C-alpha cells in the first residue's frame, strides 16, 4: 500500500503550485490569461512532437513557438478569421513530423481549439464559468486518484491505462456532480448544471484515455518530466482538453448564460 502512495508528496506540492498559478491567471484575465495559455499550448505541442519523434528537437521547438503564436494571433482576430489560424500549426506540422502524423494532427488541433475555447469562456461568459470548468476537471482527477488508490477494484481499460479503476472513474463523476451542485446555486442554469458537470467529467476522462493510448502507442510512460509527480503538461491537462473541447461543441445548446458570475 505504501508503494502506491509514493508519489503523493511531489504530486500535492506540484498540484498546489499549479492551482495557485492557474487561479491567479484566471482572476487576472486579459493579457495575462492569453499569454499564460499561449505558454501552456507551446509546452504541450513541444511535448507532443518530442513524444512522436524524439529526435526532432529543433522541430519540437519550432512547432511549439508556432502554436503559441498562432493562439495569440487567433485571440486578437474575429472568430471566423481565427479558425484557420488555430488549425494552421496542425497542418503545417505534417511537413515537420515524419511519423505518427495523424496523432500529431489530432492532438495539436485539440490543444489549440481547447485553449481558444477556454479563453473565450473566460472573456465572454465570465470568470465563474472557466473556474467551474477547471474545478470539474480537477475534482474528477483528484477523486479518481484517491478512490482508485484507496478502493481499487476492477480496472477500467487495462490495455490503455493500467492504473485506472472503475472505482476511480465513478468517484470522478460523483465529485464533478458535487462541483456542479455548488455552482448551480449561483447560476441561472439551475441544477441541470449537475448533469452537464458529469458529462464534462466523462469528456475529461476520455481526453485522459486518449492521451494514455497515444503514450502506449509510442512506448512512453509520461509526456515529459516538467511537473514533478505529474509527468508533463499533456499528462496534467489531457483531461482539460477533453472537457474544454466537449464544452465548446455543446456550449451553444447547453444554455450557459453570459457573465452571470
C-alpha atoms as a PDB file:
ATOM      1  CA  UNK A   1       0.000   0.000   0.000  1.00  0.00           C
ATOM      2  CA  UNK A   2       2.796   2.447   0.855  1.00  0.00           C
ATOM      3  CA  UNK A   3       4.238   1.976  -2.584  1.00  0.00           C
ATOM      4  CA  UNK A   4       1.003   3.092  -4.247  1.00  0.00           C
ATOM      5  CA  UNK A   5       1.228   6.478  -2.466  1.00  0.00           C
ATOM      6  CA  UNK A   6       4.937   7.075  -3.059  1.00  0.00           C
ATOM      7  CA  UNK A   7       4.363   9.957  -5.477  1.00  0.00           C
ATOM      8  CA  UNK A   8       1.812  11.740  -3.286  1.00  0.00           C
ATOM      9  CA  UNK A   9       4.109  14.403  -1.777  1.00  0.00           C
ATOM     10  CA  UNK A  10       5.524  15.561  -5.103  1.00  0.00           C
ATOM     11  CA  UNK A  11       2.079  15.389  -6.660  1.00  0.00           C
ATOM     12  CA  UNK A  12       0.496  17.536  -3.944  1.00  0.00           C
ATOM     13  CA  UNK A  13       3.243  20.185  -3.982  1.00  0.00           C
ATOM     14  CA  UNK A  14       3.174  20.462  -7.762  1.00  0.00           C
ATOM     15  CA  UNK A  15      -0.616  20.427  -7.783  1.00  0.00           C
ATOM     16  CA  UNK A  16      -0.898  23.254  -5.254  1.00  0.00           C
ATOM     17  CA  UNK A  17       1.606  25.339  -7.218  1.00  0.00           C
ATOM     18  CA  UNK A  18      -0.289  24.797 -10.482  1.00  0.00           C
ATOM     19  CA  UNK A  19      -3.628  25.645  -8.867  1.00  0.00           C
ATOM     20  CA  UNK A  20      -2.196  28.853  -7.392  1.00  0.00           C
ATOM     21  CA  UNK A  21      -0.737  29.976 -10.704  1.00  0.00           C
ATOM     22  CA  UNK A  22      -3.830  28.925 -12.643  1.00  0.00           C
ATOM     23  CA  UNK A  23      -6.280  30.712 -10.356  1.00  0.00           C
ATOM     24  CA  UNK A  24      -4.158  33.863 -10.454  1.00  0.00           C
ATOM     25  CA  UNK A  25      -4.099  33.884 -14.253  1.00  0.00           C
ATOM     26  CA  UNK A  26      -7.850  33.202 -14.456  1.00  0.00           C
ATOM     27  CA  UNK A  27      -8.544  36.024 -11.999  1.00  0.00           C
ATOM     28  CA  UNK A  28      -6.300  38.496 -13.836  1.00  0.00           C
ATOM     29  CA  UNK A  29      -7.733  37.668 -17.262  1.00  0.00           C
ATOM     30  CA  UNK A  30      -6.783  39.831 -20.236  1.00  0.00           C
ATOM     31  CA  UNK A  31      -3.199  39.729 -21.443  1.00  0.00           C
ATOM     32  CA  UNK A  32      -2.006  37.584 -18.534  1.00  0.00           C
ATOM     33  CA  UNK A  33      -4.595  34.924 -19.351  1.00  0.00           C
ATOM     34  CA  UNK A  34      -3.777  34.938 -23.056  1.00  0.00           C
ATOM     35  CA  UNK A  35      -0.011  34.770 -22.514  1.00  0.00           C
ATOM     36  CA  UNK A  36      -0.427  32.028 -19.921  1.00  0.00           C
ATOM     37  CA  UNK A  37      -2.458  29.884 -22.294  1.00  0.00           C
ATOM     38  CA  UNK A  38      -0.021  30.532 -25.139  1.00  0.00           C
ATOM     39  CA  UNK A  39       2.876  29.284 -22.982  1.00  0.00           C
ATOM     40  CA  UNK A  40       0.971  26.160 -21.948  1.00  0.00           C
ATOM     41  CA  UNK A  41      -0.036  25.460 -25.554  1.00  0.00           C
ATOM     42  CA  UNK A  42       3.561  25.833 -26.699  1.00  0.00           C
ATOM     43  CA  UNK A  43       4.744  23.478 -23.968  1.00  0.00           C
ATOM     44  CA  UNK A  44       2.142  20.849 -24.825  1.00  0.00           C
ATOM     45  CA  UNK A  45       2.949  20.915 -28.537  1.00  0.00           C
ATOM     46  CA  UNK A  46       6.672  20.675 -27.689  1.00  0.00           C
ATOM     47  CA  UNK A  47       5.946  17.568 -25.602  1.00  0.00           C
ATOM     48  CA  UNK A  48       3.765  16.111 -28.349  1.00  0.00           C
ATOM     49  CA  UNK A  49       6.438  16.407 -31.047  1.00  0.00           C
ATOM     50  CA  UNK A  50       9.100  15.019 -28.682  1.00  0.00           C
ATOM     51  CA  UNK A  51       6.829  12.062 -27.896  1.00  0.00           C
ATOM     52  CA  UNK A  52       6.114  11.235 -31.519  1.00  0.00           C
ATOM     53  CA  UNK A  53       9.605  11.963 -32.887  1.00  0.00           C
ATOM     54  CA  UNK A  54      12.155  12.159 -30.018  1.00  0.00           C
ATOM     55  CA  UNK A  55      14.994  13.009 -32.363  1.00  0.00           C
ATOM     56  CA  UNK A  56      13.238  16.096 -33.759  1.00  0.00           C
ATOM     57  CA  UNK A  57      14.457  18.612 -31.154  1.00  0.00           C
ATOM     58  CA  UNK A  58      14.527  21.615 -33.482  1.00  0.00           C
ATOM     59  CA  UNK A  59      11.167  20.723 -34.977  1.00  0.00           C
ATOM     60  CA  UNK A  60       9.665  20.473 -31.488  1.00  0.00           C
ATOM     61  CA  UNK A  61      10.804  23.976 -30.581  1.00  0.00           C
ATOM     62  CA  UNK A  62       9.686  25.394 -33.922  1.00  0.00           C
ATOM     63  CA  UNK A  63       6.221  23.863 -33.688  1.00  0.00           C
ATOM     64  CA  UNK A  64       5.858  24.915 -30.039  1.00  0.00           C
ATOM     65  CA  UNK A  65       6.612  28.522 -30.947  1.00  0.00           C
ATOM     66  CA  UNK A  66       4.311  28.378 -33.956  1.00  0.00           C
ATOM     67  CA  UNK A  67       1.430  27.020 -31.858  1.00  0.00           C
ATOM     68  CA  UNK A  68       1.826  29.639 -29.135  1.00  0.00           C
ATOM     69  CA  UNK A  69       1.973  32.497 -31.627  1.00  0.00           C
ATOM     70  CA  UNK A  70      -0.992  31.094 -33.572  1.00  0.00           C
ATOM     71  CA  UNK A  71      -3.120  31.004 -30.429  1.00  0.00           C
ATOM     72  CA  UNK A  72      -2.216  34.575 -29.520  1.00  0.00           C
ATOM     73  CA  UNK A  73      -2.962  35.768 -33.052  1.00  0.00           C
ATOM     74  CA  UNK A  74      -6.302  33.949 -33.127  1.00  0.00           C
ATOM     75  CA  UNK A  75      -7.369  35.565 -29.849  1.00  0.00           C
ATOM     76  CA  UNK A  76      -6.999  39.016 -31.387  1.00  0.00           C
ATOM     77  CA  UNK A  77      -8.941  38.217 -34.559  1.00  0.00           C
ATOM     78  CA  UNK A  78     -12.694  37.919 -35.232  1.00  0.00           C
ATOM     79  CA  UNK A  79     -13.943  34.373 -34.662  1.00  0.00           C
ATOM     80  CA  UNK A  80     -14.255  33.318 -38.316  1.00  0.00           C
ATOM     81  CA  UNK A  81     -10.794  34.700 -39.097  1.00  0.00           C
ATOM     82  CA  UNK A  82      -9.336  32.945 -36.055  1.00  0.00           C
ATOM     83  CA  UNK A  83     -10.364  29.423 -37.039  1.00  0.00           C
ATOM     84  CA  UNK A  84      -7.858  28.904 -39.900  1.00  0.00           C
ATOM     85  CA  UNK A  85      -5.056  30.241 -37.718  1.00  0.00           C
ATOM     86  CA  UNK A  86      -5.931  27.773 -34.945  1.00  0.00           C
ATOM     87  CA  UNK A  87      -5.666  24.825 -37.327  1.00  0.00           C
ATOM     88  CA  UNK A  88      -2.607  26.080 -39.227  1.00  0.00           C
ATOM     89  CA  UNK A  89       0.041  24.641 -36.811  1.00  0.00           C
ATOM     90  CA  UNK A  90      -1.555  21.199 -37.074  1.00  0.00           C
ATOM     91  CA  UNK A  91      -1.499  21.317 -40.870  1.00  0.00           C
ATOM     92  CA  UNK A  92       1.986  22.849 -41.126  1.00  0.00           C
ATOM     93  CA  UNK A  93       3.428  20.308 -38.707  1.00  0.00           C
ATOM     94  CA  UNK A  94       2.744  17.463 -41.119  1.00  0.00           C
ATOM     95  CA  UNK A  95       5.854  18.569 -43.008  1.00  0.00           C
ATOM     96  CA  UNK A  96       7.911  18.540 -39.773  1.00  0.00           C
ATOM     97  CA  UNK A  97       6.699  15.308 -38.176  1.00  0.00           C
ATOM     98  CA  UNK A  98       7.807  12.258 -40.167  1.00  0.00           C
ATOM     99  CA  UNK A  99       5.881   9.659 -38.107  1.00  0.00           C
ATOM    100  CA  UNK A 100       2.520   9.395 -36.335  1.00  0.00           C
ATOM    101  CA  UNK A 101       1.147  12.285 -38.335  1.00  0.00           C
ATOM    102  CA  UNK A 102      -2.497  11.517 -37.563  1.00  0.00           C
ATOM    103  CA  UNK A 103      -1.751  11.647 -33.840  1.00  0.00           C
ATOM    104  CA  UNK A 104       0.115  14.929 -34.260  1.00  0.00           C
ATOM    105  CA  UNK A 105      -2.662  16.445 -36.359  1.00  0.00           C
ATOM    106  CA  UNK A 106      -5.420  15.383 -33.957  1.00  0.00           C
ATOM    107  CA  UNK A 107      -3.770  16.393 -30.700  1.00  0.00           C
ATOM    108  CA  UNK A 108      -2.374  19.680 -31.959  1.00  0.00           C
ATOM    109  CA  UNK A 109      -5.799  20.722 -33.231  1.00  0.00           C
ATOM    110  CA  UNK A 110      -7.352  19.691 -29.906  1.00  0.00           C
ATOM    111  CA  UNK A 111      -4.777  21.646 -27.902  1.00  0.00           C
ATOM    112  CA  UNK A 112      -5.277  24.873 -29.822  1.00  0.00           C
ATOM    113  CA  UNK A 113      -9.065  24.650 -30.071  1.00  0.00           C
ATOM    114  CA  UNK A 114      -9.401  23.780 -26.372  1.00  0.00           C
ATOM    115  CA  UNK A 115      -7.159  26.661 -25.286  1.00  0.00           C
ATOM    116  CA  UNK A 116      -9.005  29.101 -27.540  1.00  0.00           C
ATOM    117  CA  UNK A 117     -12.341  27.901 -26.169  1.00  0.00           C
ATOM    118  CA  UNK A 118     -11.231  28.285 -22.547  1.00  0.00           C
ATOM    119  CA  UNK A 119     -10.011  31.844 -23.086  1.00  0.00           C
ATOM    120  CA  UNK A 120     -13.277  32.685 -24.850  1.00  0.00           C
ATOM    121  CA  UNK A 121     -15.224  31.146 -21.966  1.00  0.00           C
ATOM    122  CA  UNK A 122     -13.417  33.464 -19.543  1.00  0.00           C
ATOM    123  CA  UNK A 123     -13.784  36.567 -21.685  1.00  0.00           C
ATOM    124  CA  UNK A 124     -17.323  36.082 -22.988  1.00  0.00           C
ATOM    125  CA  UNK A 125     -19.155  34.081 -20.325  1.00  0.00           C
ATOM    126  CA  UNK A 126     -17.252  35.272 -17.266  1.00  0.00           C
ATOM    127  CA  UNK A 127     -14.595  34.095 -14.844  1.00  0.00           C
ATOM    128  CA  UNK A 128     -17.040  31.888 -12.955  1.00  0.00           C
ATOM    129  CA  UNK A 129     -17.658  29.584 -15.903  1.00  0.00           C
ATOM    130  CA  UNK A 130     -13.973  28.985 -16.570  1.00  0.00           C
ATOM    131  CA  UNK A 131     -13.460  28.370 -12.865  1.00  0.00           C
ATOM    132  CA  UNK A 132     -16.335  25.876 -12.930  1.00  0.00           C
ATOM    133  CA  UNK A 133     -14.789  24.002 -15.872  1.00  0.00           C
ATOM    134  CA  UNK A 134     -11.370  23.858 -14.223  1.00  0.00           C
ATOM    135  CA  UNK A 135     -12.786  22.684 -10.892  1.00  0.00           C
ATOM    136  CA  UNK A 136     -14.901  19.963 -12.547  1.00  0.00           C
ATOM    137  CA  UNK A 137     -11.819  18.541 -14.270  1.00  0.00           C
ATOM    138  CA  UNK A 138      -9.603  18.905 -11.184  1.00  0.00           C
ATOM    139  CA  UNK A 139     -12.223  17.300  -8.932  1.00  0.00           C
ATOM    140  CA  UNK A 140     -12.582  14.422 -11.400  1.00  0.00           C
ATOM    141  CA  UNK A 141      -8.836  13.853 -11.376  1.00  0.00           C
ATOM    142  CA  UNK A 142      -8.367  14.126  -7.597  1.00  0.00           C
ATOM    143  CA  UNK A 143     -11.345  11.936  -6.730  1.00  0.00           C
ATOM    144  CA  UNK A 144     -10.285   9.371  -9.313  1.00  0.00           C
ATOM    145  CA  UNK A 145      -6.723   9.307  -7.980  1.00  0.00           C
ATOM    146  CA  UNK A 146      -7.633   8.826  -4.318  1.00  0.00           C
ATOM    147  CA  UNK A 147     -10.565   6.458  -4.875  1.00  0.00           C
ATOM    148  CA  UNK A 148      -8.544   4.364  -7.296  1.00  0.00           C
ATOM    149  CA  UNK A 149      -5.639   4.060  -4.855  1.00  0.00           C
ATOM    150  CA  UNK A 150      -7.762   3.555  -1.717  1.00  0.00           C
ATOM    151  CA  UNK A 151     -10.556   1.353  -3.091  1.00  0.00           C
ATOM    152  CA  UNK A 152      -9.006  -0.262  -6.136  1.00  0.00           C
ATOM    153  CA  UNK A 153     -11.101  -2.950  -7.782  1.00  0.00           C
ATOM    154  CA  UNK A 154     -11.668  -3.803 -11.445  1.00  0.00           C
ATOM    155  CA  UNK A 155      -9.635  -1.909 -13.994  1.00  0.00           C
ATOM    156  CA  UNK A 156     -11.445   0.471 -16.304  1.00  0.00           C
ATOM    157  CA  UNK A 157      -9.455  -0.204 -19.504  1.00  0.00           C
ATOM    158  CA  UNK A 158      -6.213  -2.008 -18.656  1.00  0.00           C
ATOM    159  CA  UNK A 159      -4.886  -2.137 -22.224  1.00  0.00           C
ATOM    160  CA  UNK A 160      -4.930   1.648 -22.452  1.00  0.00           C
ATOM    161  CA  UNK A 161      -4.481   2.828 -18.859  1.00  0.00           C
ATOM    162  CA  UNK A 162      -3.460   0.020 -16.481  1.00  0.00           C
ATOM    163  CA  UNK A 163      -3.805   2.106 -13.289  1.00  0.00           C
ATOM    164  CA  UNK A 164      -7.324   3.446 -13.788  1.00  0.00           C
ATOM    165  CA  UNK A 165     -10.140   1.635 -11.989  1.00  0.00           C
ATOM    166  CA  UNK A 166     -13.908   1.720 -12.151  1.00  0.00           C
ATOM    167  CA  UNK A 167     -13.981   2.986  -8.570  1.00  0.00           C
ATOM    168  CA  UNK A 168     -11.829   5.965  -9.501  1.00  0.00           C
ATOM    169  CA  UNK A 169     -13.853   6.627 -12.639  1.00  0.00           C
ATOM    170  CA  UNK A 170     -17.198   6.677 -10.817  1.00  0.00           C
ATOM    171  CA  UNK A 171     -15.723   8.723  -7.956  1.00  0.00           C
ATOM    172  CA  UNK A 172     -14.721  11.326 -10.559  1.00  0.00           C
ATOM    173  CA  UNK A 173     -18.316  11.560 -11.785  1.00  0.00           C
ATOM    174  CA  UNK A 174     -19.609  11.999  -8.229  1.00  0.00           C
ATOM    175  CA  UNK A 175     -17.039  14.710  -7.451  1.00  0.00           C
ATOM    176  CA  UNK A 176     -17.910  16.550 -10.670  1.00  0.00           C
ATOM    177  CA  UNK A 177     -21.602  16.377  -9.803  1.00  0.00           C
ATOM    178  CA  UNK A 178     -20.886  17.910  -6.388  1.00  0.00           C
ATOM    179  CA  UNK A 179     -18.981  20.771  -8.034  1.00  0.00           C
ATOM    180  CA  UNK A 180     -21.927  21.267 -10.356  1.00  0.00           C
ATOM    181  CA  UNK A 181     -24.326  21.360  -7.395  1.00  0.00           C
ATOM    182  CA  UNK A 182     -22.302  24.095  -5.694  1.00  0.00           C
ATOM    183  CA  UNK A 183     -22.156  26.243  -8.828  1.00  0.00           C
ATOM    184  CA  UNK A 184     -25.806  25.557  -9.697  1.00  0.00           C
ATOM    185  CA  UNK A 185     -26.916  27.609  -6.715  1.00  0.00           C
ATOM    186  CA  UNK A 186     -25.069  30.629  -8.155  1.00  0.00           C
ATOM    187  CA  UNK A 187     -26.159  30.402 -11.792  1.00  0.00           C
ATOM    188  CA  UNK A 188     -29.280  30.701 -13.907  1.00  0.00           C
ATOM    189  CA  UNK A 189     -28.775  27.209 -15.314  1.00  0.00           C
ATOM    190  CA  UNK A 190     -30.028  25.637 -12.093  1.00  0.00           C
ATOM    191  CA  UNK A 191     -29.445  22.067 -11.043  1.00  0.00           C
ATOM    192  CA  UNK A 192     -29.285  20.810 -14.603  1.00  0.00           C
ATOM    193  CA  UNK A 193     -25.682  22.020 -14.249  1.00  0.00           C
ATOM    194  CA  UNK A 194     -25.073  18.820 -12.261  1.00  0.00           C
ATOM    195  CA  UNK A 195     -25.744  16.737 -15.361  1.00  0.00           C
ATOM    196  CA  UNK A 196     -23.560  18.967 -17.504  1.00  0.00           C
ATOM    197  CA  UNK A 197     -20.768  18.726 -14.930  1.00  0.00           C
ATOM    198  CA  UNK A 198     -20.877  14.923 -15.006  1.00  0.00           C
ATOM    199  CA  UNK A 199     -20.844  14.959 -18.813  1.00  0.00           C
ATOM    200  CA  UNK A 200     -17.799  17.272 -18.803  1.00  0.00           C
ATOM    201  CA  UNK A 201     -16.185  14.901 -16.283  1.00  0.00           C
ATOM    202  CA  UNK A 202     -16.729  11.987 -18.659  1.00  0.00           C
ATOM    203  CA  UNK A 203     -15.296  14.010 -21.556  1.00  0.00           C
ATOM    204  CA  UNK A 204     -12.244  14.857 -19.452  1.00  0.00           C
ATOM    205  CA  UNK A 205     -11.734  11.156 -18.733  1.00  0.00           C
ATOM    206  CA  UNK A 206     -11.955  10.465 -22.460  1.00  0.00           C
ATOM    207  CA  UNK A 207      -9.223  13.051 -23.025  1.00  0.00           C
ATOM    208  CA  UNK A 208      -7.134  11.305 -20.380  1.00  0.00           C
ATOM    209  CA  UNK A 209      -7.646   7.923 -22.047  1.00  0.00           C
ATOM    210  CA  UNK A 210      -6.833   9.320 -25.492  1.00  0.00           C
ATOM    211  CA  UNK A 211      -3.516  10.657 -24.225  1.00  0.00           C
ATOM    212  CA  UNK A 212      -2.786   7.356 -22.453  1.00  0.00           C
ATOM    213  CA  UNK A 213      -3.473   5.471 -25.679  1.00  0.00           C
ATOM    214  CA  UNK A 214      -1.087   7.760 -27.567  1.00  0.00           C
ATOM    215  CA  UNK A 215       1.685   7.212 -24.996  1.00  0.00           C
ATOM    216  CA  UNK A 216       1.243   3.446 -25.183  1.00  0.00           C
ATOM    217  CA  UNK A 217       1.393   3.675 -28.971  1.00  0.00           C
ATOM    218  CA  UNK A 218       4.819   5.325 -28.827  1.00  0.00           C
ATOM    219  CA  UNK A 219       6.046   3.414 -25.752  1.00  0.00           C
ATOM    220  CA  UNK A 220       6.248   6.346 -23.323  1.00  0.00           C
ATOM    221  CA  UNK A 221       5.236   6.476 -19.649  1.00  0.00           C
ATOM    222  CA  UNK A 222       4.914  10.271 -19.355  1.00  0.00           C
ATOM    223  CA  UNK A 223       4.766  13.087 -21.867  1.00  0.00           C
ATOM    224  CA  UNK A 224       7.801  14.700 -20.154  1.00  0.00           C
ATOM    225  CA  UNK A 225       9.242  15.326 -16.698  1.00  0.00           C
ATOM    226  CA  UNK A 226       8.357  19.027 -16.463  1.00  0.00           C
ATOM    227  CA  UNK A 227       5.985  18.630 -13.482  1.00  0.00           C
ATOM    228  CA  UNK A 228       7.201  16.521 -10.510  1.00  0.00           C
ATOM    229  CA  UNK A 229       4.680  13.844  -9.577  1.00  0.00           C
ATOM    230  CA  UNK A 230       2.539  14.515 -12.632  1.00  0.00           C
ATOM    231  CA  UNK A 231       4.807  13.975 -15.647  1.00  0.00           C
ATOM    232  CA  UNK A 232       4.334  16.628 -18.296  1.00  0.00           C
ATOM    233  CA  UNK A 233       1.843  19.260 -19.343  1.00  0.00           C
ATOM    234  CA  UNK A 234      -0.018  16.790 -21.543  1.00  0.00           C
ATOM    235  CA  UNK A 235      -0.281  14.387 -18.619  1.00  0.00           C
ATOM    236  CA  UNK A 236      -1.681  17.115 -16.406  1.00  0.00           C
ATOM    237  CA  UNK A 237      -4.000  18.834 -18.888  1.00  0.00           C
ATOM    238  CA  UNK A 238      -5.206  15.925 -21.038  1.00  0.00           C
ATOM    239  CA  UNK A 239      -8.490  15.882 -19.148  1.00  0.00           C
ATOM    240  CA  UNK A 240      -8.845  19.628 -19.581  1.00  0.00           C
ATOM    241  CA  UNK A 241      -8.504  19.152 -23.343  1.00  0.00           C
ATOM    242  CA  UNK A 242     -11.347  16.655 -23.432  1.00  0.00           C
ATOM    243  CA  UNK A 243     -13.595  18.706 -21.174  1.00  0.00           C
ATOM    244  CA  UNK A 244     -12.937  22.005 -22.957  1.00  0.00           C
ATOM    245  CA  UNK A 245     -13.473  20.621 -26.468  1.00  0.00           C
ATOM    246  CA  UNK A 246     -16.695  18.926 -25.352  1.00  0.00           C
ATOM    247  CA  UNK A 247     -17.986  22.130 -23.755  1.00  0.00           C
ATOM    248  CA  UNK A 248     -17.040  24.116 -26.850  1.00  0.00           C
ATOM    249  CA  UNK A 249     -19.048  21.712 -29.008  1.00  0.00           C
ATOM    250  CA  UNK A 250     -22.181  21.602 -26.844  1.00  0.00           C
ATOM    251  CA  UNK A 251     -21.949  25.086 -25.328  1.00  0.00           C
ATOM    252  CA  UNK A 252     -24.378  26.745 -27.766  1.00  0.00           C
ATOM    253  CA  UNK A 253     -27.049  24.167 -26.782  1.00  0.00           C
ATOM    254  CA  UNK A 254     -26.230  23.925 -23.079  1.00  0.00           C
ATOM    255  CA  UNK A 255     -27.810  27.252 -22.193  1.00  0.00           C
ATOM    256  CA  UNK A 256     -24.805  28.787 -20.440  1.00  0.00           C
ATOM    257  CA  UNK A 257     -25.701  32.412 -19.690  1.00  0.00           C
ATOM    258  CA  UNK A 258     -23.156  35.142 -20.318  1.00  0.00           C
ATOM    259  CA  UNK A 259     -21.465  36.909 -17.451  1.00  0.00           C
ATOM    260  CA  UNK A 260     -23.655  35.596 -14.630  1.00  0.00           C
ATOM    261  CA  UNK A 261     -20.858  35.008 -12.131  1.00  0.00           C
END
